[in-house]
Amino acid sequence: HVQTPPGMAGQSVLAAAALAVQGLVDVARGPHGRGPVSL
């Protein structure tokens, strides 16, 4: 619809989703630590 490169659209929705999710969960990578899901 906007006629932009697909990667830029992918970046935009993934960044918005990270903002929406980051306050709800952290992620634990097995025994190798835990941290935010911020991107």
Full PDB file with SEQRES, HELIX, SHEET, SSBOND, CRYST1, ORIGX, SCALE, CONECT and MASTER records, all heavy atoms in Angstrom:
SEQRES   1 A   39  HIS VAL GLN THR PRO PRO GLY MET ALA GLY GLN SER VAL          
SEQRES   2 A   39  LEU ALA ALA ALA ALA LEU ALA VAL GLN GLY LEU VAL ASP          
SEQRES   3 A   39  VAL ALA ARG GLY PRO HIS GLY ARG GLY PRO VAL SER LEU          
HELIX    1 AA1 PRO A    6  VAL A   21  1                                  16    
CRYST1    1.000    1.000    1.000  90.00  90.00  90.00 P 1           1          
ORIGX1      1.000000  0.000000  0.000000        0.00000                         
ORIGX2      0.000000  1.000000  0.000000        0.00000                         
ORIGX3      0.000000  0.000000  1.000000        0.00000                         
SCALE1      1.000000  0.000000  0.000000        0.00000                         
SCALE2      0.000000  1.000000  0.000000        0.00000                         
SCALE3      0.000000  0.000000  1.000000        0.00000                         
ATOM      1  N   HIS A   1       0.824  -1.214   0.000  1.00  0.00           N  
ATOM      2  CA  HIS A   1       0.000   0.000   0.000  1.00  0.00           C  
ATOM      3  C   HIS A   1       0.859   1.265   0.000  1.00  0.00           C  
ATOM      4  O   HIS A   1       0.545   2.231  -0.700  1.00  0.00           O  
ATOM      5  CB  HIS A   1      -0.924  -0.003   1.218  1.00  0.00           C  
ATOM      6  CG  HIS A   1      -2.045  -0.981   1.124  1.00  0.00           C  
ATOM      7  ND1 HIS A   1      -3.071  -0.859   0.218  1.00  0.00           N  
ATOM      8  CD2 HIS A   1      -2.303  -2.117   1.824  1.00  0.00           C  
ATOM      9  CE1 HIS A   1      -3.914  -1.876   0.360  1.00  0.00           C  
ATOM     10  NE2 HIS A   1      -3.473  -2.652   1.333  1.00  0.00           N  
ATOM     11  N   VAL A   2       1.924   1.276   0.813  1.00  0.00           N  
ATOM     12  CA  VAL A   2       2.763   2.471   0.912  1.00  0.00           C  
ATOM     13  C   VAL A   2       3.780   2.511  -0.215  1.00  0.00           C  
ATOM     14  O   VAL A   2       4.296   3.560  -0.561  1.00  0.00           O  
ATOM     15  CB  VAL A   2       3.462   2.520   2.289  1.00  0.00           C  
ATOM     16  CG1 VAL A   2       4.265   3.806   2.462  1.00  0.00           C  
ATOM     17  CG2 VAL A   2       2.432   2.409   3.404  1.00  0.00           C  
ATOM     18  N   GLN A   3       4.058   1.349  -0.812  1.00  0.00           N  
ATOM     19  CA  GLN A   3       5.067   1.198  -1.865  1.00  0.00           C  
ATOM     20  C   GLN A   3       6.453   1.543  -1.330  1.00  0.00           C  
ATOM     21  O   GLN A   3       7.128   2.469  -1.798  1.00  0.00           O  
ATOM     22  CB  GLN A   3       4.697   2.025  -3.093  1.00  0.00           C  
ATOM     23  CG  GLN A   3       3.398   1.542  -3.752  1.00  0.00           C  
ATOM     24  CD  GLN A   3       3.080   2.268  -5.037  1.00  0.00           C  
ATOM     25  OE1 GLN A   3       3.022   3.495  -5.072  1.00  0.00           O  
ATOM     26  NE2 GLN A   3       2.863   1.531  -6.112  1.00  0.00           N  
ATOM     27  N   THR A   4       6.836   0.785  -0.327  1.00  0.00           N  
ATOM     28  CA  THR A   4       8.170   0.893   0.266  1.00  0.00           C  
ATOM     29  C   THR A   4       8.870  -0.452   0.139  1.00  0.00           C  
ATOM     30  O   THR A   4       8.216  -1.485  -0.067  1.00  0.00           O  
ATOM     31  CB  THR A   4       8.089   1.264   1.756  1.00  0.00           C  
ATOM     32  OG1 THR A   4       7.398   0.220   2.466  1.00  0.00           O  
ATOM     33  CG2 THR A   4       7.361   2.571   1.966  1.00  0.00           C  
ATOM     34  N   PRO A   5      10.196  -0.488   0.275  1.00  0.00           N  
ATOM     35  CA  PRO A   5      10.903  -1.770   0.267  1.00  0.00           C  
ATOM     36  C   PRO A   5      10.382  -2.686   1.374  1.00  0.00           C  
ATOM     37  O   PRO A   5      10.063  -2.226   2.476  1.00  0.00           O  
ATOM     38  CB  PRO A   5      12.361  -1.365   0.517  1.00  0.00           C  
ATOM     39  CG  PRO A   5      12.452   0.048   0.033  1.00  0.00           C  
ATOM     40  CD  PRO A   5      11.123   0.658   0.360  1.00  0.00           C  
ATOM     41  N   PRO A   6      10.273  -3.983   1.114  1.00  0.00           N  
ATOM     42  CA  PRO A   6       9.689  -4.901   2.095  1.00  0.00           C  
ATOM     43  C   PRO A   6      10.454  -4.952   3.413  1.00  0.00           C  
ATOM     44  O   PRO A   6       9.851  -5.095   4.476  1.00  0.00           O  
ATOM     45  CB  PRO A   6       9.705  -6.253   1.376  1.00  0.00           C  
ATOM     46  CG  PRO A   6      10.669  -6.101   0.251  1.00  0.00           C  
ATOM     47  CD  PRO A   6      10.619  -4.668  -0.141  1.00  0.00           C  
ATOM     48  N   GLY A   7      11.776  -4.852   3.359  1.00  0.00           N  
ATOM     49  CA  GLY A   7      12.546  -4.913   4.593  1.00  0.00           C  
ATOM     50  C   GLY A   7      12.234  -3.768   5.533  1.00  0.00           C  
ATOM     51  O   GLY A   7      12.200  -3.944   6.755  1.00  0.00           O  
ATOM     52  N   MET A   8      12.005  -2.579   4.980  1.00  0.00           N  
ATOM     53  CA  MET A   8      11.670  -1.442   5.822  1.00  0.00           C  
ATOM     54  C   MET A   8      10.312  -1.647   6.483  1.00  0.00           C  
ATOM     55  O   MET A   8      10.112  -1.278   7.649  1.00  0.00           O  
ATOM     56  CB  MET A   8      11.687  -0.152   5.007  1.00  0.00           C  
ATOM     57  CG  MET A   8      11.726   1.115   5.860  1.00  0.00           C  
ATOM     58  SD  MET A   8      12.293   2.554   4.928  1.00  0.00           S  
ATOM     59  CE  MET A   8      10.876   2.872   3.888  1.00  0.00           C  
ATOM     60  N   ALA A   9       9.374  -2.264   5.749  1.00  0.00           N  
ATOM     61  CA  ALA A   9       8.074  -2.577   6.347  1.00  0.00           C  
ATOM     62  C   ALA A   9       8.224  -3.629   7.429  1.00  0.00           C  
ATOM     63  O   ALA A   9       7.583  -3.552   8.488  1.00  0.00           O  
ATOM     64  CB  ALA A   9       7.109  -3.060   5.260  1.00  0.00           C  
ATOM     65  N   GLY A  10       9.075  -4.626   7.183  1.00  0.00           N  
ATOM     66  CA  GLY A  10       9.327  -5.639   8.198  1.00  0.00           C  
ATOM     67  C   GLY A  10       9.926  -5.054   9.459  1.00  0.00           C  
ATOM     68  O   GLY A  10       9.525  -5.410  10.581  1.00  0.00           O  
ATOM     69  N   GLN A  11      10.890  -4.152   9.276  1.00  0.00           N  
ATOM     70  CA  GLN A  11      11.485  -3.476  10.433  1.00  0.00           C  
ATOM     71  C   GLN A  11      10.429  -2.726  11.241  1.00  0.00           C  
ATOM     72  O   GLN A  11      10.416  -2.764  12.477  1.00  0.00           O  
ATOM     73  CB  GLN A  11      12.525  -2.461   9.948  1.00  0.00           C  
ATOM     74  CG  GLN A  11      13.722  -3.028   9.241  1.00  0.00           C  
ATOM     75  CD  GLN A  11      14.882  -3.301  10.167  1.00  0.00           C  
ATOM     76  OE1 GLN A  11      15.001  -4.378  10.721  1.00  0.00           O  
ATOM     77  NE2 GLN A  11      15.732  -2.332  10.335  1.00  0.00           N  
ATOM     78  N   SER A  12       9.549  -2.035  10.543  1.00  0.00           N  
ATOM     79  CA  SER A  12       8.579  -1.176  11.209  1.00  0.00           C  
ATOM     80  C   SER A  12       7.603  -1.969  12.073  1.00  0.00           C  
ATOM     81  O   SER A  12       7.323  -1.607  13.214  1.00  0.00           O  
ATOM     82  CB  SER A  12       7.809  -0.339  10.175  1.00  0.00           C  
ATOM     83  OG  SER A  12       8.663   0.593   9.547  1.00  0.00           O  
ATOM     84  N   VAL A  13       7.071  -3.079  11.537  1.00  0.00           N  
ATOM     85  CA  VAL A  13       6.106  -3.845  12.324  1.00  0.00           C  
ATOM     86  C   VAL A  13       6.794  -4.603  13.458  1.00  0.00           C  
ATOM     87  O   VAL A  13       6.234  -4.734  14.557  1.00  0.00           O  
ATOM     88  CB  VAL A  13       5.287  -4.808  11.441  1.00  0.00           C  
ATOM     89  CG1 VAL A  13       4.508  -4.042  10.385  1.00  0.00           C  
ATOM     90  CG2 VAL A  13       6.163  -5.866  10.781  1.00  0.00           C  
ATOM     91  N   LEU A  14       8.007  -5.090  13.220  1.00  0.00           N  
ATOM     92  CA  LEU A  14       8.714  -5.820  14.279  1.00  0.00           C  
ATOM     93  C   LEU A  14       9.126  -4.881  15.406  1.00  0.00           C  
ATOM     94  O   LEU A  14       9.064  -5.242  16.587  1.00  0.00           O  
ATOM     95  CB  LEU A  14       9.936  -6.529  13.689  1.00  0.00           C  
ATOM     96  CG  LEU A  14      10.659  -7.540  14.584  1.00  0.00           C  
ATOM     97  CD1 LEU A  14       9.701  -8.551  15.187  1.00  0.00           C  
ATOM     98  CD2 LEU A  14      11.758  -8.246  13.792  1.00  0.00           C  
ATOM     99  N   ALA A  15       9.523  -3.654  15.064  1.00  0.00           N  
ATOM    100  CA  ALA A  15       9.878  -2.671  16.093  1.00  0.00           C  
ATOM    101  C   ALA A  15       8.658  -2.290  16.921  1.00  0.00           C  
ATOM    102  O   ALA A  15       8.728  -2.186  18.158  1.00  0.00           O  
ATOM    103  CB  ALA A  15      10.476  -1.430  15.444  1.00  0.00           C  
ATOM    104  N   ALA A  16       7.517  -2.072  16.262  1.00  0.00           N  
ATOM    105  CA  ALA A  16       6.292  -1.741  16.988  1.00  0.00           C  
ATOM    106  C   ALA A  16       5.868  -2.887  17.897  1.00  0.00           C  
ATOM    107  O   ALA A  16       5.432  -2.670  19.039  1.00  0.00           O  
ATOM    108  CB  ALA A  16       5.175  -1.408  16.000  1.00  0.00           C  
ATOM    109  N   ALA A  17       6.011  -4.127  17.411  1.00  0.00           N  
ATOM    110  CA  ALA A  17       5.654  -5.282  18.229  1.00  0.00           C  
ATOM    111  C   ALA A  17       6.575  -5.417  19.434  1.00  0.00           C  
ATOM    112  O   ALA A  17       6.129  -5.768  20.533  1.00  0.00           O  
ATOM    113  CB  ALA A  17       5.703  -6.550  17.376  1.00  0.00           C  
ATOM    114  N   ALA A  18       7.866  -5.142  19.244  1.00  0.00           N  
ATOM    115  CA  ALA A  18       8.797  -5.208  20.375  1.00  0.00           C  
ATOM    116  C   ALA A  18       8.429  -4.198  21.447  1.00  0.00           C  
ATOM    117  O   ALA A  18       8.495  -4.498  22.651  1.00  0.00           O  
ATOM    118  CB  ALA A  18      10.226  -4.976  19.884  1.00  0.00           C  
ATOM    119  N   LEU A  19       8.030  -2.994  21.032  1.00  0.00           N  
ATOM    120  CA  LEU A  19       7.597  -1.981  21.990  1.00  0.00           C  
ATOM    121  C   LEU A  19       6.369  -2.461  22.757  1.00  0.00           C  
ATOM    122  O   LEU A  19       6.262  -2.243  23.974  1.00  0.00           O  
ATOM    123  CB  LEU A  19       7.294  -0.671  21.256  1.00  0.00           C  
ATOM    124  CG  LEU A  19       6.672   0.459  22.073  1.00  0.00           C  
ATOM    125  CD1 LEU A  19       7.552   0.834  23.256  1.00  0.00           C  
ATOM    126  CD2 LEU A  19       6.418   1.679  21.197  1.00  0.00           C  
ATOM    127  N   ALA A  20       5.452  -3.131  22.078  1.00  0.00           N  
ATOM    128  CA  ALA A  20       4.228  -3.594  22.724  1.00  0.00           C  
ATOM    129  C   ALA A  20       4.478  -4.759  23.682  1.00  0.00           C  
ATOM    130  O   ALA A  20       3.787  -4.902  24.688  1.00  0.00           O  
ATOM    131  CB  ALA A  20       3.205  -4.011  21.664  1.00  0.00           C  
ATOM    132  N   VAL A  21       5.482  -5.573  23.391  1.00  0.00           N  
ATOM    133  CA  VAL A  21       5.716  -6.801  24.157  1.00  0.00           C  
ATOM    134  C   VAL A  21       6.719  -6.614  25.295  1.00  0.00           C  
ATOM    135  O   VAL A  21       6.635  -7.281  26.331  1.00  0.00           O  
ATOM    136  CB  VAL A  21       6.196  -7.921  23.197  1.00  0.00           C  
ATOM    137  CG1 VAL A  21       6.742  -9.117  23.954  1.00  0.00           C  
ATOM    138  CG2 VAL A  21       5.060  -8.356  22.279  1.00  0.00           C  
ATOM    139  N   GLN A  22       7.687  -5.698  25.130  1.00  0.00           N  
ATOM    140  CA  GLN A  22       8.849  -5.655  26.022  1.00  0.00           C  
ATOM    141  C   GLN A  22       8.516  -5.459  27.498  1.00  0.00           C  
ATOM    142  O   GLN A  22       9.290  -5.887  28.368  1.00  0.00           O  
ATOM    143  CB  GLN A  22       9.805  -4.550  25.571  1.00  0.00           C  
ATOM    144  CG  GLN A  22       9.245  -3.144  25.723  1.00  0.00           C  
ATOM    145  CD  GLN A  22      10.192  -2.065  25.227  1.00  0.00           C  
ATOM    146  OE1 GLN A  22      11.281  -2.354  24.749  1.00  0.00           O  
ATOM    147  NE2 GLN A  22       9.778  -0.812  25.323  1.00  0.00           N  
ATOM    148  N   GLY A  23       7.394  -4.831  27.815  1.00  0.00           N  
ATOM    149  CA  GLY A  23       7.038  -4.638  29.215  1.00  0.00           C  
ATOM    150  C   GLY A  23       6.344  -5.828  29.834  1.00  0.00           C  
ATOM    151  O   GLY A  23       6.160  -5.880  31.055  1.00  0.00           O  
ATOM    152  N   LEU A  24       5.951  -6.799  29.007  1.00  0.00           N  
ATOM    153  CA  LEU A  24       5.175  -7.932  29.491  1.00  0.00           C  
ATOM    154  C   LEU A  24       6.025  -9.133  29.843  1.00  0.00           C  
ATOM    155  O   LEU A  24       5.697  -9.890  30.771  1.00  0.00           O  
ATOM    156  CB  LEU A  24       4.139  -8.336  28.430  1.00  0.00           C  
ATOM    157  CG  LEU A  24       3.152  -7.246  27.996  1.00  0.00           C  
ATOM    158  CD1 LEU A  24       2.268  -7.751  26.865  1.00  0.00           C  
ATOM    159  CD2 LEU A  24       2.317  -6.789  29.181  1.00  0.00           C  
ATOM    160  N   VAL A  25       7.112  -9.376  29.084  1.00  0.00           N  
ATOM    161  CA  VAL A  25       7.923 -10.571  29.311  1.00  0.00           C  
ATOM    162  C   VAL A  25       9.403 -10.259  29.172  1.00  0.00           C  
ATOM    163  O   VAL A  25       9.804  -9.327  28.457  1.00  0.00           O  
ATOM    164  CB  VAL A  25       7.573 -11.708  28.316  1.00  0.00           C  
ATOM    165  CG1 VAL A  25       6.148 -12.181  28.504  1.00  0.00           C  
ATOM    166  CG2 VAL A  25       7.841 -11.294  26.889  1.00  0.00           C  
ATOM    167  N   ASP A  26      10.211 -11.039  29.872  1.00  0.00           N  
ATOM    168  CA  ASP A  26      11.628 -11.198  29.591  1.00  0.00           C  
ATOM    169  C   ASP A  26      11.808 -12.593  29.011  1.00  0.00           C  
ATOM    170  O   ASP A  26      10.907 -13.430  29.078  1.00  0.00           O  
ATOM    171  CB  ASP A  26      12.468 -11.048  30.864  1.00  0.00           C  
ATOM    172  CG  ASP A  26      12.682  -9.596  31.264  1.00  0.00           C  
ATOM    173  OD1 ASP A  26      12.314  -8.703  30.473  1.00  0.00           O  
ATOM    174  OD2 ASP A  26      13.193  -9.351  32.373  1.00  0.00           O  
ATOM    175  N   VAL A  27      12.984 -12.873  28.445  1.00  0.00           N  
ATOM    176  CA  VAL A  27      13.223 -14.188  27.868  1.00  0.00           C  
ATOM    177  C   VAL A  27      14.431 -14.825  28.553  1.00  0.00           C  
ATOM    178  O   VAL A  27      15.442 -14.161  28.812  1.00  0.00           O  
ATOM    179  CB  VAL A  27      13.447 -14.103  26.339  1.00  0.00           C  
ATOM    180  CG1 VAL A  27      14.630 -13.208  25.980  1.00  0.00           C  
ATOM    181  CG2 VAL A  27      13.639 -15.499  25.741  1.00  0.00           C  
ATOM    182  N   ALA A  28      14.302 -16.112  28.870  1.00  0.00           N  
ATOM    183  CA  ALA A  28      15.400 -16.898  29.433  1.00  0.00           C  
ATOM    184  C   ALA A  28      15.908 -17.838  28.353  1.00  0.00           C  
ATOM    185  O   ALA A  28      15.147 -18.634  27.798  1.00  0.00           O  
ATOM    186  CB  ALA A  28      14.937 -17.677  30.650  1.00  0.00           C  
ATOM    187  N   ARG A  29      17.204 -17.754  28.047  1.00  0.00           N  
ATOM    188  CA  ARG A  29      17.816 -18.574  27.010  1.00  0.00           C  
ATOM    189  C   ARG A  29      18.405 -19.831  27.659  1.00  0.00           C  
ATOM    190  O   ARG A  29      19.630 -19.967  27.802  1.00  0.00           O  
ATOM    191  CB  ARG A  29      18.887 -17.766  26.280  1.00  0.00           C  
ATOM    192  CG  ARG A  29      18.367 -16.458  25.703  1.00  0.00           C  
ATOM    193  CD  ARG A  29      19.443 -15.644  25.032  1.00  0.00           C  
ATOM    194  NE  ARG A  29      20.515 -15.254  25.936  1.00  0.00           N  
ATOM    195  CZ  ARG A  29      20.466 -14.229  26.760  1.00  0.00           C  
ATOM    196  NH1 ARG A  29      19.383 -13.461  26.810  1.00  0.00           N  
ATOM    197  NH2 ARG A  29      21.488 -13.949  27.553  1.00  0.00           N  
ATOM    198  N   GLY A  30      17.538 -20.738  28.059  1.00  0.00           N  
ATOM    199  CA  GLY A  30      18.005 -21.928  28.768  1.00  0.00           C  
ATOM    200  C   GLY A  30      18.810 -21.509  29.985  1.00  0.00           C  
ATOM    201  O   GLY A  30      18.394 -20.634  30.753  1.00  0.00           O  
ATOM    202  N   PRO A  31      19.993 -22.105  30.203  1.00  0.00           N  
ATOM    203  CA  PRO A  31      20.830 -21.723  31.341  1.00  0.00           C  
ATOM    204  C   PRO A  31      21.762 -20.543  31.048  1.00  0.00           C  
ATOM    205  O   PRO A  31      22.633 -20.231  31.857  1.00  0.00           O  
ATOM    206  CB  PRO A  31      21.644 -22.993  31.603  1.00  0.00           C  
ATOM    207  CG  PRO A  31      21.822 -23.596  30.248  1.00  0.00           C  
ATOM    208  CD  PRO A  31      20.551 -23.283  29.483  1.00  0.00           C  
ATOM    209  N   HIS A  32      21.592 -19.898  29.881  1.00  0.00           N  
ATOM    210  CA  HIS A  32      22.545 -18.878  29.439  1.00  0.00           C  
ATOM    211  C   HIS A  32      22.016 -17.463  29.646  1.00  0.00           C  
ATOM    212  O   HIS A  32      22.240 -16.572  28.832  1.00  0.00           O  
ATOM    213  CB  HIS A  32      22.914 -19.099  27.975  1.00  0.00           C  
ATOM    214  CG  HIS A  32      23.566 -20.415  27.727  1.00  0.00           C  
ATOM    215  ND1 HIS A  32      24.834 -20.706  28.152  1.00  0.00           N  
ATOM    216  CD2 HIS A  32      23.085 -21.541  27.139  1.00  0.00           C  
ATOM    217  CE1 HIS A  32      25.138 -21.945  27.812  1.00  0.00           C  
ATOM    218  NE2 HIS A  32      24.092 -22.482  27.206  1.00  0.00           N  
ATOM    219  N   GLY A  33      21.346 -17.251  30.751  1.00  0.00           N  
ATOM    220  CA  GLY A  33      20.950 -15.911  31.119  1.00  0.00           C  
ATOM    221  C   GLY A  33      19.558 -15.546  30.659  1.00  0.00           C  
ATOM    222  O   GLY A  33      18.921 -16.232  29.859  1.00  0.00           O  
ATOM    223  N   ARG A  34      19.088 -14.448  31.193  1.00  0.00           N  
ATOM    224  CA  ARG A  34      17.784 -13.898  30.840  1.00  0.00           C  
ATOM    225  C   ARG A  34      17.947 -12.418  30.551  1.00  0.00           C  
ATOM    226  O   ARG A  34      18.928 -11.797  30.965  1.00  0.00           O  
ATOM    227  CB  ARG A  34      16.790 -14.107  31.976  1.00  0.00           C  
ATOM    228  CG  ARG A  34      17.231 -13.488  33.295  1.00  0.00           C  
ATOM    229  CD  ARG A  34      16.175 -13.629  34.372  1.00  0.00           C  
ATOM    230  NE  ARG A  34      15.055 -12.713  34.146  1.00  0.00           N  
ATOM    231  CZ  ARG A  34      13.967 -12.679  34.907  1.00  0.00           C  
ATOM    232  NH1 ARG A  34      13.845 -13.509  35.929  1.00  0.00           N  
ATOM    233  NH2 ARG A  34      12.997 -11.826  34.650  1.00  0.00           N  
ATOM    234  N   GLY A  35      17.002 -11.871  29.839  1.00  0.00           N  
ATOM    235  CA  GLY A  35      17.100 -10.454  29.523  1.00  0.00           C  
ATOM    236  C   GLY A  35      15.844  -9.963  28.850  1.00  0.00           C  
ATOM    237  O   GLY A  35      14.880 -10.714  28.640  1.00  0.00           O  
ATOM    238  N   PRO A  36      15.843  -8.696  28.475  1.00  0.00           N  
ATOM    239  CA  PRO A  36      14.662  -8.096  27.836  1.00  0.00           C  
ATOM    240  C   PRO A  36      14.428  -8.675  26.447  1.00  0.00           C  
ATOM    241  O   PRO A  36      15.289  -9.355  25.871  1.00  0.00           O  
ATOM    242  CB  PRO A  36      15.032  -6.605  27.750  1.00  0.00           C  
ATOM    243  CG  PRO A  36      16.231  -6.431  28.616  1.00  0.00           C  
ATOM    244  CD  PRO A  36      16.930  -7.730  28.663  1.00  0.00           C  
ATOM    245  N   VAL A  37      13.265  -8.365  25.906  1.00  0.00           N  
ATOM    246  CA  VAL A  37      12.983  -8.689  24.505  1.00  0.00           C  
ATOM    247  C   VAL A  37      12.995  -7.421  23.658  1.00  0.00           C  
ATOM    248  O   VAL A  37      12.553  -7.430  22.510  1.00  0.00           O  
ATOM    249  CB  VAL A  37      11.636  -9.427  24.357  1.00  0.00           C  
ATOM    250  CG1 VAL A  37      11.668 -10.745  25.098  1.00  0.00           C  
ATOM    251  CG2 VAL A  37      10.469  -8.568  24.836  1.00  0.00           C  
ATOM    252  N   SER A  38      13.507  -6.339  24.207  1.00  0.00           N  
ATOM    253  CA  SER A  38      13.629  -5.078  23.471  1.00  0.00           C  
ATOM    254  C   SER A  38      14.491  -5.286  22.230  1.00  0.00           C  
ATOM    255  O   SER A  38      15.443  -6.065  22.235  1.00  0.00           O  
ATOM    256  CB  SER A  38      14.251  -4.003  24.361  1.00  0.00           C  
ATOM    257  OG  SER A  38      13.519  -3.854  25.557  1.00  0.00           O  
ATOM    258  N   LEU A  39      14.173  -4.554  21.162  1.00  0.00           N  
ATOM    259  CA  LEU A  39      14.914  -4.652  19.910  1.00  0.00           C  
ATOM    260  C   LEU A  39      15.238  -3.258  19.396  1.00  0.00           C  
ATOM    261  O   LEU A  39      14.449  -2.329  19.554  1.00  0.00           O  
ATOM    262  CB  LEU A  39      14.104  -5.407  18.857  1.00  0.00           C  
ATOM    263  CG  LEU A  39      13.842  -6.900  19.149  1.00  0.00           C  
ATOM    264  CD1 LEU A  39      12.790  -7.451  18.198  1.00  0.00           C  
ATOM    265  CD2 LEU A  39      15.137  -7.692  19.046  1.00  0.00           C  
TER     266      LEU A  39                                                      
MASTER        0    0    0    1    0    0    0    6  265    1    0    3          
END                                                                             
